[in-house]
Amino acid sequence: EGNVRRPDVNVVLKAYAPELMAIEGVTAVAVGKLDSGEDCVRIYVVALTDELRAQLPATLEGWPVDVEESGEIRPLDD
């Protein structure tokens, strides 16, 4: 597993971001770090429901996916 070549996590994020952001309930995607220090693709969601979890990948091109509840994200007023 540790020797498997994966594309750069930033390249993977950029490639999948539009598709992930199109899923209802997804508020943001970013590169994150797991508690182990390994890079991951982090998906922020309003609320993690079973239906939403079923639509989200567990890994993307070998990178782990971490899902975090962010609540509703809205732009700040000026």
PDB file of N, CA and C in Angstrom:
ATOM      1  N   GLU A   1       0.836  -1.206   0.000  1.00  0.00           N
ATOM      2  CA  GLU A   1       0.000   0.000   0.000  1.00  0.00           C
ATOM      3  C   GLU A   1       0.871   1.256   0.000  1.00  0.00           C
ATOM      4  N   GLY A   2       1.890   1.298   0.866  1.00  0.00           N
ATOM      5  CA  GLY A   2       2.708   2.498   0.976  1.00  0.00           C
ATOM      6  C   GLY A   2       3.505   2.796  -0.279  1.00  0.00           C
ATOM      7  N   ASN A   3       3.649   1.802  -1.164  1.00  0.00           N
ATOM      8  CA  ASN A   3       4.473   1.973  -2.348  1.00  0.00           C
ATOM      9  C   ASN A   3       3.649   2.294  -3.596  1.00  0.00           C
ATOM     10  N   VAL A   4       2.339   2.348  -3.438  1.00  0.00           N
ATOM     11  CA  VAL A   4       1.463   2.615  -4.578  1.00  0.00           C
ATOM     12  C   VAL A   4       1.609   4.081  -4.985  1.00  0.00           C
ATOM     13  N   ARG A   5       1.816   4.300  -6.276  1.00  0.00           N
ATOM     14  CA  ARG A   5       1.950   5.686  -6.748  1.00  0.00           C
ATOM     15  C   ARG A   5       0.571   6.292  -6.951  1.00  0.00           C
ATOM     16  N   ARG A   6       0.375   7.450  -6.329  1.00  0.00           N
ATOM     17  CA  ARG A   6      -0.901   8.149  -6.451  1.00  0.00           C
ATOM     18  C   ARG A   6      -0.632   9.518  -7.076  1.00  0.00           C
ATOM     19  N   PRO A   7      -1.611  10.030  -7.813  1.00  0.00           N
ATOM     20  CA  PRO A   7      -1.445  11.408  -8.293  1.00  0.00           C
ATOM     21  C   PRO A   7      -1.417  12.355  -7.089  1.00  0.00           C
ATOM     22  N   ASP A   8      -0.835  13.520  -7.264  1.00  0.00           N
ATOM     23  CA  ASP A   8      -0.786  14.521  -6.198  1.00  0.00           C
ATOM     24  C   ASP A   8      -2.195  14.783  -5.666  1.00  0.00           C
ATOM     25  N   VAL A   9      -2.330  14.903  -4.348  1.00  0.00           N
ATOM     26  CA  VAL A   9      -3.648  15.082  -3.731  1.00  0.00           C
ATOM     27  C   VAL A   9      -4.333  16.364  -4.229  1.00  0.00           C
ATOM     28  N   ASN A  10      -3.543  17.410  -4.517  1.00  0.00           N
ATOM     29  CA  ASN A  10      -4.134  18.657  -5.015  1.00  0.00           C
ATOM     30  C   ASN A  10      -4.718  18.481  -6.415  1.00  0.00           C
ATOM     31  N   VAL A  11      -4.053  17.650  -7.225  1.00  0.00           N
ATOM     32  CA  VAL A  11      -4.542  17.363  -8.580  1.00  0.00           C
ATOM     33  C   VAL A  11      -5.853  16.577  -8.488  1.00  0.00           C
ATOM     34  N   VAL A  12      -5.884  15.598  -7.584  1.00  0.00           N
ATOM     35  CA  VAL A  12      -7.094  14.792  -7.394  1.00  0.00           C
ATOM     36  C   VAL A  12      -8.243  15.685  -6.913  1.00  0.00           C
ATOM     37  N   LEU A  13      -7.967  16.551  -5.944  1.00  0.00           N
ATOM     38  CA  LEU A  13      -9.005  17.456  -5.429  1.00  0.00           C
ATOM     39  C   LEU A  13      -9.580  18.320  -6.549  1.00  0.00           C
ATOM     40  N   LYS A  14      -8.682  18.900  -7.349  1.00  0.00           N
ATOM     41  CA  LYS A  14      -9.135  19.785  -8.429  1.00  0.00           C
ATOM     42  C   LYS A  14      -9.991  19.020  -9.446  1.00  0.00           C
ATOM     43  N   ALA A  15      -9.595  17.780  -9.721  1.00  0.00           N
ATOM     44  CA  ALA A  15     -10.318  16.971 -10.710  1.00  0.00           C
ATOM     45  C   ALA A  15     -11.722  16.598 -10.228  1.00  0.00           C
ATOM     46  N   TYR A  16     -11.872  16.329  -8.930  1.00  0.00           N
ATOM     47  CA  TYR A  16     -13.153  15.841  -8.418  1.00  0.00           C
ATOM     48  C   TYR A  16     -14.022  16.922  -7.783  1.00  0.00           C
ATOM     49  N   ALA A  17     -13.458  18.107  -7.531  1.00  0.00           N
ATOM     50  CA  ALA A  17     -14.203  19.162  -6.832  1.00  0.00           C
ATOM     51  C   ALA A  17     -15.553  19.484  -7.475  1.00  0.00           C
ATOM     52  N   PRO A  18     -15.627  19.689  -8.808  1.00  0.00           N
ATOM     53  CA  PRO A  18     -16.933  20.046  -9.388  1.00  0.00           C
ATOM     54  C   PRO A  18     -17.990  18.965  -9.147  1.00  0.00           C
ATOM     55  N   GLU A  19     -17.579  17.712  -9.307  1.00  0.00           N
ATOM     56  CA  GLU A  19     -18.488  16.584  -9.119  1.00  0.00           C
ATOM     57  C   GLU A  19     -18.940  16.495  -7.650  1.00  0.00           C
ATOM     58  N   LEU A  20     -17.990  16.675  -6.725  1.00  0.00           N
ATOM     59  CA  LEU A  20     -18.331  16.610  -5.303  1.00  0.00           C
ATOM     60  C   LEU A  20     -19.220  17.775  -4.894  1.00  0.00           C
ATOM     61  N   MET A  21     -18.902  18.978  -5.383  1.00  0.00           N
ATOM     62  CA  MET A  21     -19.680  20.173  -5.023  1.00  0.00           C
ATOM     63  C   MET A  21     -21.104  20.107  -5.589  1.00  0.00           C
ATOM     64  N   ALA A  22     -21.311  19.290  -6.623  1.00  0.00           N
ATOM     65  CA  ALA A  22     -22.642  19.157  -7.221  1.00  0.00           C
ATOM     66  C   ALA A  22     -23.568  18.295  -6.358  1.00  0.00           C
ATOM     67  N   ILE A  23     -23.017  17.577  -5.381  1.00  0.00           N
ATOM     68  CA  ILE A  23     -23.837  16.729  -4.515  1.00  0.00           C
ATOM     69  C   ILE A  23     -24.546  17.621  -3.502  1.00  0.00           C
ATOM     70  N   GLU A  24     -25.856  17.480  -3.424  1.00  0.00           N
ATOM     71  CA  GLU A  24     -26.621  18.313  -2.503  1.00  0.00           C
ATOM     72  C   GLU A  24     -26.183  18.038  -1.074  1.00  0.00           C
ATOM     73  N   GLY A  25     -25.897  19.099  -0.331  1.00  0.00           N
ATOM     74  CA  GLY A  25     -25.459  18.957   1.051  1.00  0.00           C
ATOM     75  C   GLY A  25     -23.967  19.157   1.230  1.00  0.00           C
ATOM     76  N   VAL A  26     -23.189  19.099   0.119  1.00  0.00           N
ATOM     77  CA  VAL A  26     -21.745  19.353   0.203  1.00  0.00           C
ATOM     78  C   VAL A  26     -21.538  20.862   0.169  1.00  0.00           C
ATOM     79  N   THR A  27     -20.772  21.386   1.146  1.00  0.00           N
ATOM     80  CA  THR A  27     -20.558  22.830   1.218  1.00  0.00           C
ATOM     81  C   THR A  27     -19.167  23.254   0.747  1.00  0.00           C
ATOM     82  N   ALA A  28     -18.188  22.342   0.855  1.00  0.00           N
ATOM     83  CA  ALA A  28     -16.822  22.703   0.459  1.00  0.00           C
ATOM     84  C   ALA A  28     -15.988  21.428   0.342  1.00  0.00           C
ATOM     85  N   VAL A  29     -14.895  21.529  -0.404  1.00  0.00           N
ATOM     86  CA  VAL A  29     -13.916  20.443  -0.472  1.00  0.00           C
ATOM     87  C   VAL A  29     -12.533  21.064  -0.326  1.00  0.00           C
ATOM     88  N   ALA A  30     -11.622  20.328   0.292  1.00  0.00           N
ATOM     89  CA  ALA A  30     -10.283  20.854   0.528  1.00  0.00           C
ATOM     90  C   ALA A  30      -9.325  19.688   0.739  1.00  0.00           C
ATOM     91  N   VAL A  31      -8.030  20.002   0.694  1.00  0.00           N
ATOM     92  CA  VAL A  31      -7.040  19.027   1.105  1.00  0.00           C
ATOM     93  C   VAL A  31      -6.907  19.165   2.615  1.00  0.00           C
ATOM     94  N   GLY A  32      -6.951  18.051   3.321  1.00  0.00           N
ATOM     95  CA  GLY A  32      -6.820  18.074   4.775  1.00  0.00           C
ATOM     96  C   GLY A  32      -5.769  17.084   5.224  1.00  0.00           C
ATOM     97  N   LYS A  33      -5.640  16.949   6.513  1.00  0.00           N
ATOM     98  CA  LYS A  33      -4.719  15.957   7.099  1.00  0.00           C
ATOM     99  C   LYS A  33      -5.507  15.105   8.084  1.00  0.00           C
ATOM    100  N   LEU A  34      -5.262  13.800   8.021  1.00  0.00           N
ATOM    101  CA  LEU A  34      -5.848  12.889   8.993  1.00  0.00           C
ATOM    102  C   LEU A  34      -5.067  13.006  10.305  1.00  0.00           C
ATOM    103  N   ASP A  35      -5.614  12.443  11.372  1.00  0.00           N
ATOM    104  CA  ASP A  35      -4.904  12.452  12.657  1.00  0.00           C
ATOM    105  C   ASP A  35      -3.527  11.814  12.536  1.00  0.00           C
ATOM    106  N   SER A  36      -3.389  10.860  11.603  1.00  0.00           N
ATOM    107  CA  SER A  36      -2.110  10.173  11.378  1.00  0.00           C
ATOM    108  C   SER A  36      -1.091  11.069  10.681  1.00  0.00           C
ATOM    109  N   GLY A  37      -1.548  12.218  10.151  1.00  0.00           N
ATOM    110  CA  GLY A  37      -0.651  13.113   9.414  1.00  0.00           C
ATOM    111  C   GLY A  37      -0.713  12.911   7.918  1.00  0.00           C
ATOM    112  N   GLU A  38      -1.416  11.850   7.472  1.00  0.00           N
ATOM    113  CA  GLU A  38      -1.540  11.594   6.040  1.00  0.00           C
ATOM    114  C   GLU A  38      -2.480  12.619   5.403  1.00  0.00           C
ATOM    115  N   ASP A  39      -2.121  13.073   4.199  1.00  0.00           N
ATOM    116  CA  ASP A  39      -3.017  13.962   3.455  1.00  0.00           C
ATOM    117  C   ASP A  39      -4.301  13.231   3.116  1.00  0.00           C
ATOM    118  N   CYS A  40      -5.390  13.988   2.995  1.00  0.00           N
ATOM    119  CA  CYS A  40      -6.667  13.405   2.600  1.00  0.00           C
ATOM    120  C   CYS A  40      -7.452  14.440   1.821  1.00  0.00           C
ATOM    121  N   VAL A  41      -8.513  13.982   1.174  1.00  0.00           N
ATOM    122  CA  VAL A  41      -9.480  14.884   0.557  1.00  0.00           C
ATOM    123  C   VAL A  41     -10.577  15.066   1.592  1.00  0.00           C
ATOM    124  N   ARG A  42     -10.781  16.306   2.055  1.00  0.00           N
ATOM    125  CA  ARG A  42     -11.791  16.577   3.074  1.00  0.00           C
ATOM    126  C   ARG A  42     -13.032  17.143   2.391  1.00  0.00           C
ATOM    127  N   ILE A  43     -14.166  16.549   2.700  1.00  0.00           N
ATOM    128  CA  ILE A  43     -15.444  17.014   2.165  1.00  0.00           C
ATOM    129  C   ILE A  43     -16.259  17.555   3.335  1.00  0.00           C
ATOM    130  N   TYR A  44     -16.653  18.823   3.235  1.00  0.00           N
ATOM    131  CA  TYR A  44     -17.484  19.439   4.266  1.00  0.00           C
ATOM    132  C   TYR A  44     -18.943  19.350   3.839  1.00  0.00           C
ATOM    133  N   VAL A  45     -19.792  18.965   4.771  1.00  0.00           N
ATOM    134  CA  VAL A  45     -21.215  18.806   4.471  1.00  0.00           C
ATOM    135  C   VAL A  45     -22.038  19.544   5.521  1.00  0.00           C
ATOM    136  N   VAL A  46     -23.269  19.942   5.140  1.00  0.00           N
ATOM    137  CA  VAL A  46     -24.159  20.622   6.081  1.00  0.00           C
ATOM    138  C   VAL A  46     -24.457  19.688   7.247  1.00  0.00           C
ATOM    139  N   ALA A  47     -24.923  18.487   6.936  1.00  0.00           N
ATOM    140  CA  ALA A  47     -25.212  17.475   7.955  1.00  0.00           C
ATOM    141  C   ALA A  47     -24.971  16.119   7.314  1.00  0.00           C
ATOM    142  N   LEU A  48     -24.259  15.254   8.007  1.00  0.00           N
ATOM    143  CA  LEU A  48     -23.922  13.955   7.433  1.00  0.00           C
ATOM    144  C   LEU A  48     -25.057  12.970   7.694  1.00  0.00           C
ATOM    145  N   THR A  49     -25.855  12.736   6.660  1.00  0.00           N
ATOM    146  CA  THR A  49     -26.944  11.766   6.741  1.00  0.00           C
ATOM    147  C   THR A  49     -26.476  10.465   6.094  1.00  0.00           C
ATOM    148  N   ASP A  50     -27.197   9.390   6.343  1.00  0.00           N
ATOM    149  CA  ASP A  50     -26.846   8.109   5.714  1.00  0.00           C
ATOM    150  C   ASP A  50     -26.936   8.224   4.198  1.00  0.00           C
ATOM    151  N   GLU A  51     -27.954   8.961   3.710  1.00  0.00           N
ATOM    152  CA  GLU A  51     -28.128   9.114   2.256  1.00  0.00           C
ATOM    153  C   GLU A  51     -26.935   9.856   1.661  1.00  0.00           C
ATOM    154  N   LEU A  52     -26.485  10.900   2.353  1.00  0.00           N
ATOM    155  CA  LEU A  52     -25.354  11.678   1.840  1.00  0.00           C
ATOM    156  C   LEU A  52     -24.078  10.830   1.888  1.00  0.00           C
ATOM    157  N   ARG A  53     -23.848  10.133   2.997  1.00  0.00           N
ATOM    158  CA  ARG A  53     -22.647   9.306   3.104  1.00  0.00           C
ATOM    159  C   ARG A  53     -22.585   8.289   1.962  1.00  0.00           C
ATOM    160  N   ALA A  54     -23.746   7.751   1.579  1.00  0.00           N
ATOM    161  CA  ALA A  54     -23.799   6.754   0.511  1.00  0.00           C
ATOM    162  C   ALA A  54     -23.357   7.344  -0.833  1.00  0.00           C
ATOM    163  N   GLN A  55     -23.466   8.658  -1.004  1.00  0.00           N
ATOM    164  CA  GLN A  55     -23.086   9.306  -2.269  1.00  0.00           C
ATOM    165  C   GLN A  55     -21.621   9.722  -2.299  1.00  0.00           C
ATOM    166  N   LEU A  56     -20.961   9.700  -1.136  1.00  0.00           N
ATOM    167  CA  LEU A  56     -19.587  10.185  -1.052  1.00  0.00           C
ATOM    168  C   LEU A  56     -18.599   9.021  -1.118  1.00  0.00           C
ATOM    169  N   PRO A  57     -17.494   9.211  -1.835  1.00  0.00           N
ATOM    170  CA  PRO A  57     -16.498   8.135  -1.938  1.00  0.00           C
ATOM    171  C   PRO A  57     -15.736   7.970  -0.630  1.00  0.00           C
ATOM    172  N   ALA A  58     -15.226   6.775  -0.381  1.00  0.00           N
ATOM    173  CA  ALA A  58     -14.370   6.520   0.787  1.00  0.00           C
ATOM    174  C   ALA A  58     -12.926   6.896   0.470  1.00  0.00           C
ATOM    175  N   THR A  59     -12.555   6.746  -0.808  1.00  0.00           N
ATOM    176  CA  THR A  59     -11.226   7.136  -1.270  1.00  0.00           C
ATOM    177  C   THR A  59     -11.365   7.726  -2.672  1.00  0.00           C
ATOM    178  N   LEU A  60     -10.387   8.539  -3.062  1.00  0.00           N
ATOM    179  CA  LEU A  60     -10.309   9.088  -4.423  1.00  0.00           C
ATOM    180  C   LEU A  60      -8.892   8.861  -4.933  1.00  0.00           C
ATOM    181  N   GLU A  61      -8.772   8.015  -5.934  1.00  0.00           N
ATOM    182  CA  GLU A  61      -7.472   7.713  -6.550  1.00  0.00           C
ATOM    183  C   GLU A  61      -6.412   7.375  -5.509  1.00  0.00           C
ATOM    184  N   GLY A  62      -6.812   6.605  -4.491  1.00  0.00           N
ATOM    185  CA  GLY A  62      -5.876   6.155  -3.489  1.00  0.00           C
ATOM    186  C   GLY A  62      -5.777   7.040  -2.254  1.00  0.00           C
ATOM    187  N   TRP A  63      -6.353   8.228  -2.302  1.00  0.00           N
ATOM    188  CA  TRP A  63      -6.322   9.139  -1.148  1.00  0.00           C
ATOM    189  C   TRP A  63      -7.551   8.904  -0.279  1.00  0.00           C
ATOM    190  N   PRO A  64      -7.377   8.867   1.040  1.00  0.00           N
ATOM    191  CA  PRO A  64      -8.542   8.723   1.911  1.00  0.00           C
ATOM    192  C   PRO A  64      -9.420   9.977   1.839  1.00  0.00           C
ATOM    193  N   VAL A  65     -10.720   9.774   2.017  1.00  0.00           N
ATOM    194  CA  VAL A  65     -11.669  10.882   2.049  1.00  0.00           C
ATOM    195  C   VAL A  65     -12.166  11.021   3.482  1.00  0.00           C
ATOM    196  N   ASP A  66     -12.111  12.234   4.008  1.00  0.00           N
ATOM    197  CA  ASP A  66     -12.583  12.528   5.356  1.00  0.00           C
ATOM    198  C   ASP A  66     -13.772  13.474   5.222  1.00  0.00           C
ATOM    199  N   VAL A  67     -14.880  13.133   5.870  1.00  0.00           N
ATOM    200  CA  VAL A  67     -16.086  13.952   5.780  1.00  0.00           C
ATOM    201  C   VAL A  67     -16.285  14.658   7.114  1.00  0.00           C
ATOM    202  N   GLU A  68     -16.527  15.970   7.042  1.00  0.00           N
ATOM    203  CA  GLU A  68     -16.704  16.754   8.253  1.00  0.00           C
ATOM    204  C   GLU A  68     -17.987  17.569   8.140  1.00  0.00           C
ATOM    205  N   GLU A  69     -18.763  17.590   9.208  1.00  0.00           N
ATOM    206  CA  GLU A  69     -19.982  18.416   9.226  1.00  0.00           C
ATOM    207  C   GLU A  69     -19.582  19.856   9.507  1.00  0.00           C
ATOM    208  N   SER A  70     -20.002  20.755   8.621  1.00  0.00           N
ATOM    209  CA  SER A  70     -19.664  22.162   8.777  1.00  0.00           C
ATOM    210  C   SER A  70     -20.892  22.992   9.108  1.00  0.00           C
ATOM    211  N   GLY A  71     -22.079  22.414   8.939  1.00  0.00           N
ATOM    212  CA  GLY A  71     -23.277  23.219   9.015  1.00  0.00           C
ATOM    213  C   GLY A  71     -23.393  24.035   7.736  1.00  0.00           C
ATOM    214  N   GLU A  72     -24.336  24.941   7.708  1.00  0.00           N
ATOM    215  CA  GLU A  72     -24.585  25.779   6.529  1.00  0.00           C
ATOM    216  C   GLU A  72     -23.440  26.782   6.421  1.00  0.00           C
ATOM    217  N   ILE A  73     -22.874  26.930   5.220  1.00  0.00           N
ATOM    218  CA  ILE A  73     -21.835  27.940   5.001  1.00  0.00           C
ATOM    219  C   ILE A  73     -22.408  29.019   4.103  1.00  0.00           C
ATOM    220  N   ARG A  74     -22.372  30.252   4.616  1.00  0.00           N
ATOM    221  CA  ARG A  74     -22.893  31.386   3.851  1.00  0.00           C
ATOM    222  C   ARG A  74     -21.842  32.483   3.797  1.00  0.00           C
ATOM    223  N   PRO A  75     -21.851  33.291   2.727  1.00  0.00           N
ATOM    224  CA  PRO A  75     -20.896  34.400   2.685  1.00  0.00           C
ATOM    225  C   PRO A  75     -21.205  35.399   3.810  1.00  0.00           C
ATOM    226  N   LEU A  76     -20.160  36.017   4.325  1.00  0.00           N
ATOM    227  CA  LEU A  76     -20.350  37.040   5.360  1.00  0.00           C
ATOM    228  C   LEU A  76     -20.878  38.317   4.730  1.00  0.00           C
ATOM    229  N   ASP A  77     -21.715  39.034   5.463  1.00  0.00           N
ATOM    230  CA  ASP A  77     -22.185  40.340   4.986  1.00  0.00           C
ATOM    231  C   ASP A  77     -21.057  41.355   5.141  1.00  0.00           C
ATOM    232  N   ASP A  78     -21.022  42.333   4.231  1.00  0.00           N
ATOM    233  CA  ASP A  78     -19.971  43.366   4.326  1.00  0.00           C
ATOM    234  C   ASP A  78     -20.193  44.252   5.525  1.00  0.00           C
TER     235      ASP A  78
END
